[in-house]
Amino acid sequence: MSALAAGIEASAPVRISAGDRPIREVNREIRAAVDAGRDIEVHDPLSRHNLGVALTGPGLVTFKGSVGYYCGGLSDGGRIVVEGNSGWGTGEGLASGHITVNGNAGMSVGAAMRGGIIHIRGNAGPRCGVAQKDGLIAVEGDIGYSTGFMSHGGRIVCLGNSRGSVGDSLWQGTVWVAGEIETLGIDAVVVTPEQAEVDEVEAQLGALGIDGSGRDWKRIVAGKKLWYFEARDAKKWLMI
């Protein structure tokens, strides 16, 4: 019998155990509860992949431990909290919704996301926000190499330091770094942000419970040389 069918009180969180059960069965129960606007606790996630994908409702899902690849991917709504670490592709293809990871996140957080918010309280791995289209990724720790690679839109905000090649091949996305930048990626440049932009970013962080001001923000944008790149002129690309 599923957790929903067990007749749990409407005000209490629905309790689901992942364990070694089929992921499709676990996700079916999660989606049913989220669609009904219920809060859910998923116990024993065991770092398994593809948990909590394709959510569309208003409910809150709390994973009571670490999750594997693609948690929350392809969702259009819902609220996810991971009480641990998350693997590759957290929130990949996210259209709307809110994901919080209380630990660290692996490679390609928010890859190709089109909206919503992803909040990493620890560090994020390489290629954070790769091919991002819109939305916000906020990382309280450091970001890995090639963060923002080929990002078409949206904003990545890092309160820690950036590893190498940040903002490589950017289009219209932006990467904000409060700490040190190891190296910039191809065609990435640092500009001084306007005060109104800083206020907007600080307001976004404040909404996530991240207070403070006076940070030394570096705003990374496209130098736009690659915008007019022609494949037949590959040597020019190497010289950017």
Protein backbone atom coordinates (compact mmCIF):
# COMPACT_ATOMS: atom_id res chain seq x y z
CA MET A 1 0.00 0.00 0.00
CA SER A 2 1.37 3.44 -0.90
CA ALA A 3 2.00 6.12 1.70
CA LEU A 4 -0.85 8.20 0.29
CA ALA A 5 -3.26 5.29 0.48
CA ALA A 6 -2.32 4.68 4.06
CA GLY A 7 -4.58 7.46 5.17
CA ILE A 8 -2.01 9.76 6.72
CA GLU A 9 -3.47 12.89 8.28
CA ALA A 10 -3.73 15.72 5.76
CA SER A 11 -1.61 18.06 7.90
CA ALA A 12 1.24 15.60 8.38
CA PRO A 13 3.99 15.13 5.79
CA VAL A 14 3.57 12.11 3.59
CA ARG A 15 6.36 9.67 4.42
CA ILE A 16 7.92 7.74 1.56
CA SER A 17 10.83 5.34 1.79
CA ALA A 18 13.02 5.04 -1.30
CA GLY A 19 15.46 2.33 -0.29
CA ASP A 20 15.90 -0.21 -3.06
CA ARG A 21 12.39 0.17 -4.45
CA PRO A 22 11.96 0.90 -8.20
CA ILE A 23 12.58 4.62 -8.81
CA ARG A 24 9.53 4.85 -11.07
CA GLU A 25 7.32 3.67 -8.22
CA VAL A 26 8.89 6.11 -5.74
CA ASN A 27 8.54 9.04 -8.15
CA ARG A 28 4.93 8.16 -8.86
CA GLU A 29 4.14 8.51 -5.16
CA ILE A 30 6.13 11.75 -4.87
CA ARG A 31 4.35 13.33 -7.85
CA ALA A 32 0.91 12.33 -6.58
CA ALA A 33 1.58 13.98 -3.22
CA VAL A 34 3.14 17.11 -4.77
CA ASP A 35 0.20 17.51 -7.15
CA ALA A 36 -2.11 17.35 -4.12
CA GLY A 37 -0.12 20.14 -2.46
CA ARG A 38 1.12 17.84 0.29
CA ASP A 39 4.53 17.97 1.94
CA ILE A 40 6.60 14.81 1.58
CA GLU A 41 9.55 13.32 3.43
CA VAL A 42 11.58 10.84 1.42
CA HIS A 43 13.63 8.60 3.70
CA ASP A 44 16.55 6.36 2.71
CA PRO A 45 17.28 8.11 -0.62
CA LEU A 46 20.63 6.26 -0.61
CA SER A 47 22.12 8.66 -3.20
CA ARG A 48 19.96 7.09 -5.89
CA HIS A 49 19.60 8.77 -9.28
CA ASN A 50 16.57 10.51 -10.84
CA LEU A 51 14.64 11.13 -7.63
CA GLY A 52 11.92 13.81 -7.65
CA VAL A 53 12.02 14.45 -11.41
CA ALA A 54 9.23 16.06 -13.45
CA LEU A 55 7.33 17.63 -10.55
CA THR A 56 4.48 19.98 -11.43
CA GLY A 57 2.57 20.68 -8.21
CA PRO A 58 2.99 23.05 -5.25
CA GLY A 59 4.13 20.55 -2.60
CA LEU A 60 7.42 20.38 -0.69
CA VAL A 61 9.68 17.33 -1.01
CA THR A 62 12.40 16.84 1.60
CA PHE A 63 15.01 14.18 0.91
CA LYS A 64 16.36 12.97 4.26
CA GLY A 65 19.85 12.29 2.99
CA SER A 66 21.99 12.57 -0.13
CA VAL A 67 20.65 12.05 -3.64
CA GLY A 68 22.31 10.96 -6.89
CA TYR A 69 22.15 12.33 -10.43
CA TYR A 70 19.42 14.57 -11.86
CA CYS A 71 17.39 15.16 -8.71
CA GLY A 72 14.50 17.53 -9.51
CA GLY A 73 15.29 17.53 -13.21
CA LEU A 74 12.67 18.54 -15.79
CA SER A 75 10.36 19.91 -13.09
CA ASP A 76 7.85 22.71 -13.60
CA GLY A 77 6.99 23.54 -10.01
CA GLY A 78 7.41 22.08 -6.58
CA ARG A 79 9.90 22.72 -3.83
CA ILE A 80 12.77 20.34 -3.07
CA VAL A 81 15.12 20.32 -0.08
CA VAL A 82 18.05 17.89 -0.03
CA GLU A 83 19.39 17.31 3.48
CA GLY A 84 22.73 16.13 2.17
CA ASN A 85 24.71 16.27 -1.06
CA SER A 86 23.48 15.91 -4.62
CA GLY A 87 25.08 14.33 -7.66
CA TRP A 88 25.45 15.49 -11.26
CA GLY A 89 22.76 17.44 -13.07
CA THR A 90 20.73 18.62 -10.09
CA GLY A 91 17.75 20.54 -11.47
CA GLU A 92 18.73 19.90 -15.09
CA GLY A 93 16.11 21.35 -17.42
CA LEU A 94 14.21 22.97 -14.53
CA ALA A 95 11.39 25.20 -15.83
CA SER A 96 10.12 26.53 -12.50
CA GLY A 97 10.28 25.58 -8.85
CA HIS A 98 12.86 25.81 -6.09
CA ILE A 99 15.64 23.37 -5.15
CA THR A 100 17.82 23.73 -2.05
CA VAL A 101 20.83 21.48 -1.44
CA ASN A 102 22.12 21.78 2.09
CA GLY A 103 25.45 20.17 1.19
CA ASN A 104 27.58 20.13 -1.94
CA ALA A 105 26.44 19.51 -5.51
CA GLY A 106 28.24 17.65 -8.28
CA MET A 107 28.85 18.58 -11.89
CA SER A 108 26.44 20.55 -14.09
CA VAL A 109 23.98 21.92 -11.54
CA GLY A 110 21.10 23.59 -13.36
CA ALA A 111 22.24 22.48 -16.80
CA ALA A 112 19.91 23.93 -19.45
CA MET A 113 17.50 25.19 -16.78
CA ARG A 114 14.83 27.58 -18.10
CA GLY A 115 13.57 29.09 -14.86
CA GLY A 116 13.24 28.65 -11.12
CA ILE A 117 15.82 28.80 -8.35
CA ILE A 118 18.58 26.40 -7.32
CA HIS A 119 20.32 27.17 -4.04
CA ILE A 120 23.49 25.27 -3.08
CA ARG A 121 24.64 25.90 0.50
CA GLY A 122 28.01 24.21 -0.09
CA ASN A 123 30.18 24.02 -3.20
CA ALA A 124 29.09 23.30 -6.76
CA GLY A 125 31.12 21.18 -9.19
CA PRO A 126 32.33 21.97 -12.71
CA ARG A 127 30.12 23.42 -15.44
CA CYS A 128 27.55 24.76 -13.02
CA GLY A 129 24.79 26.36 -15.13
CA VAL A 130 26.07 24.96 -18.43
CA ALA A 131 23.72 26.05 -21.25
CA GLN A 132 21.46 27.78 -18.71
CA LYS A 133 18.57 29.68 -20.33
CA ASP A 134 17.03 31.53 -17.38
CA GLY A 135 16.52 31.38 -13.63
CA LEU A 136 18.89 31.77 -10.68
CA ILE A 137 21.63 29.52 -9.33
CA ALA A 138 23.02 30.69 -5.98
CA VAL A 139 26.09 28.94 -4.55
CA GLU A 140 27.26 29.85 -1.05
CA GLY A 141 30.62 28.08 -1.49
CA ASP A 142 32.93 27.75 -4.49
CA ILE A 143 32.07 26.95 -8.11
CA GLY A 144 33.95 24.50 -10.31
CA TYR A 145 35.74 25.04 -13.61
CA SER A 146 33.84 26.25 -16.67
CA THR A 147 30.89 27.46 -14.65
CA GLY A 148 28.41 29.22 -16.93
CA PHE A 149 29.78 27.49 -20.04
CA MET A 150 27.68 28.58 -23.03
CA SER A 151 25.00 30.03 -20.77
CA HIS A 152 22.34 31.77 -22.85
CA GLY A 153 20.57 33.58 -20.01
CA GLY A 154 19.83 33.68 -16.30
CA ARG A 155 22.19 34.40 -13.43
CA ILE A 156 24.74 32.40 -11.44
CA VAL A 157 25.80 33.92 -8.12
CA CYS A 158 28.80 32.57 -6.20
CA LEU A 159 29.69 33.80 -2.72
CA GLY A 160 32.96 31.89 -2.68
CA ASN A 161 35.74 31.49 -5.24
CA SER A 162 35.64 30.44 -8.86
CA ARG A 163 37.83 27.77 -10.41
CA GLY A 164 39.30 28.08 -13.90
CA SER A 165 37.62 29.14 -17.14
CA VAL A 166 34.59 30.72 -15.54
CA GLY A 167 32.10 32.09 -18.07
CA ASP A 168 33.66 30.24 -20.98
CA SER A 169 31.82 30.98 -24.26
CA LEU A 170 29.06 32.91 -22.53
CA TRP A 171 26.14 34.28 -24.47
CA GLN A 172 23.70 36.38 -22.46
CA GLY A 173 23.99 34.71 -19.09
CA THR A 174 25.92 36.36 -16.26
CA VAL A 175 28.12 34.97 -13.50
CA TRP A 176 28.63 36.91 -10.28
CA VAL A 177 31.59 36.04 -8.04
CA ALA A 178 32.22 37.58 -4.63
CA GLY A 179 35.55 35.81 -4.05
CA GLU A 180 38.59 35.17 -6.21
CA ILE A 181 38.50 34.20 -9.88
CA GLU A 182 41.15 31.65 -10.85
CA THR A 183 40.93 32.31 -14.61
CA LEU A 184 38.36 33.56 -17.08
CA GLY A 185 37.04 31.40 -19.91
CA ILE A 186 37.23 32.19 -23.61
CA ASP A 187 35.54 35.49 -24.48
CA ALA A 188 34.57 36.18 -20.85
CA VAL A 189 35.17 39.63 -19.39
CA VAL A 190 34.70 41.16 -15.94
CA VAL A 191 32.71 44.37 -15.67
CA THR A 192 31.90 46.55 -12.69
CA PRO A 193 28.21 46.12 -11.89
CA GLU A 194 25.87 49.06 -11.52
CA GLN A 195 24.58 49.67 -8.00
CA ALA A 196 21.03 48.84 -9.10
CA GLU A 197 22.26 45.44 -10.31
CA VAL A 198 24.07 44.84 -7.04
CA ASP A 199 20.92 45.73 -5.11
CA GLU A 200 18.93 43.28 -7.21
CA VAL A 201 21.40 40.45 -6.56
CA GLU A 202 21.55 41.22 -2.83
CA ALA A 203 17.74 41.20 -2.74
CA GLN A 204 17.70 37.76 -4.40
CA LEU A 205 20.19 36.48 -1.83
CA GLY A 206 18.24 38.06 1.00
CA ALA A 207 15.14 36.18 -0.14
CA LEU A 208 17.17 32.98 0.27
CA GLY A 209 18.16 33.92 3.81
CA ILE A 210 21.66 35.03 2.80
CA ASP A 211 22.25 38.39 4.41
CA GLY A 212 25.11 40.76 4.10
CA SER A 213 26.32 43.52 1.85
CA GLY A 214 29.59 45.14 0.85
CA ARG A 215 30.76 42.12 -1.10
CA ASP A 216 33.39 42.62 -3.77
CA TRP A 217 31.23 41.56 -6.70
CA LYS A 218 32.76 40.69 -10.04
CA ARG A 219 30.18 40.47 -12.82
CA ILE A 220 31.26 38.24 -15.71
CA VAL A 221 29.66 38.71 -19.10
CA ALA A 222 30.36 37.82 -22.73
CA GLY A 223 32.99 39.81 -24.60
CA LYS A 224 30.77 39.15 -27.66
CA LYS A 225 33.64 38.18 -29.95
CA LEU A 226 32.25 34.65 -30.21
CA TRP A 227 28.82 36.00 -31.13
CA TYR A 228 30.12 36.59 -34.65
CA PHE A 229 32.41 33.59 -34.87
CA GLU A 230 32.57 31.65 -38.12
CA ALA A 231 33.60 28.00 -38.04
CA ARG A 232 35.81 28.44 -41.08
CA ASP A 233 37.93 30.83 -39.03
CA ALA A 234 38.86 28.46 -36.20
CA LYS A 235 42.23 30.09 -35.65
CA LYS A 236 40.49 33.31 -34.71
CA TRP A 237 38.57 31.43 -32.01
CA LEU A 238 41.83 30.15 -30.56
CA MET A 239 43.16 33.71 -30.37
CA ILE A 240 40.22 35.15 -28.41
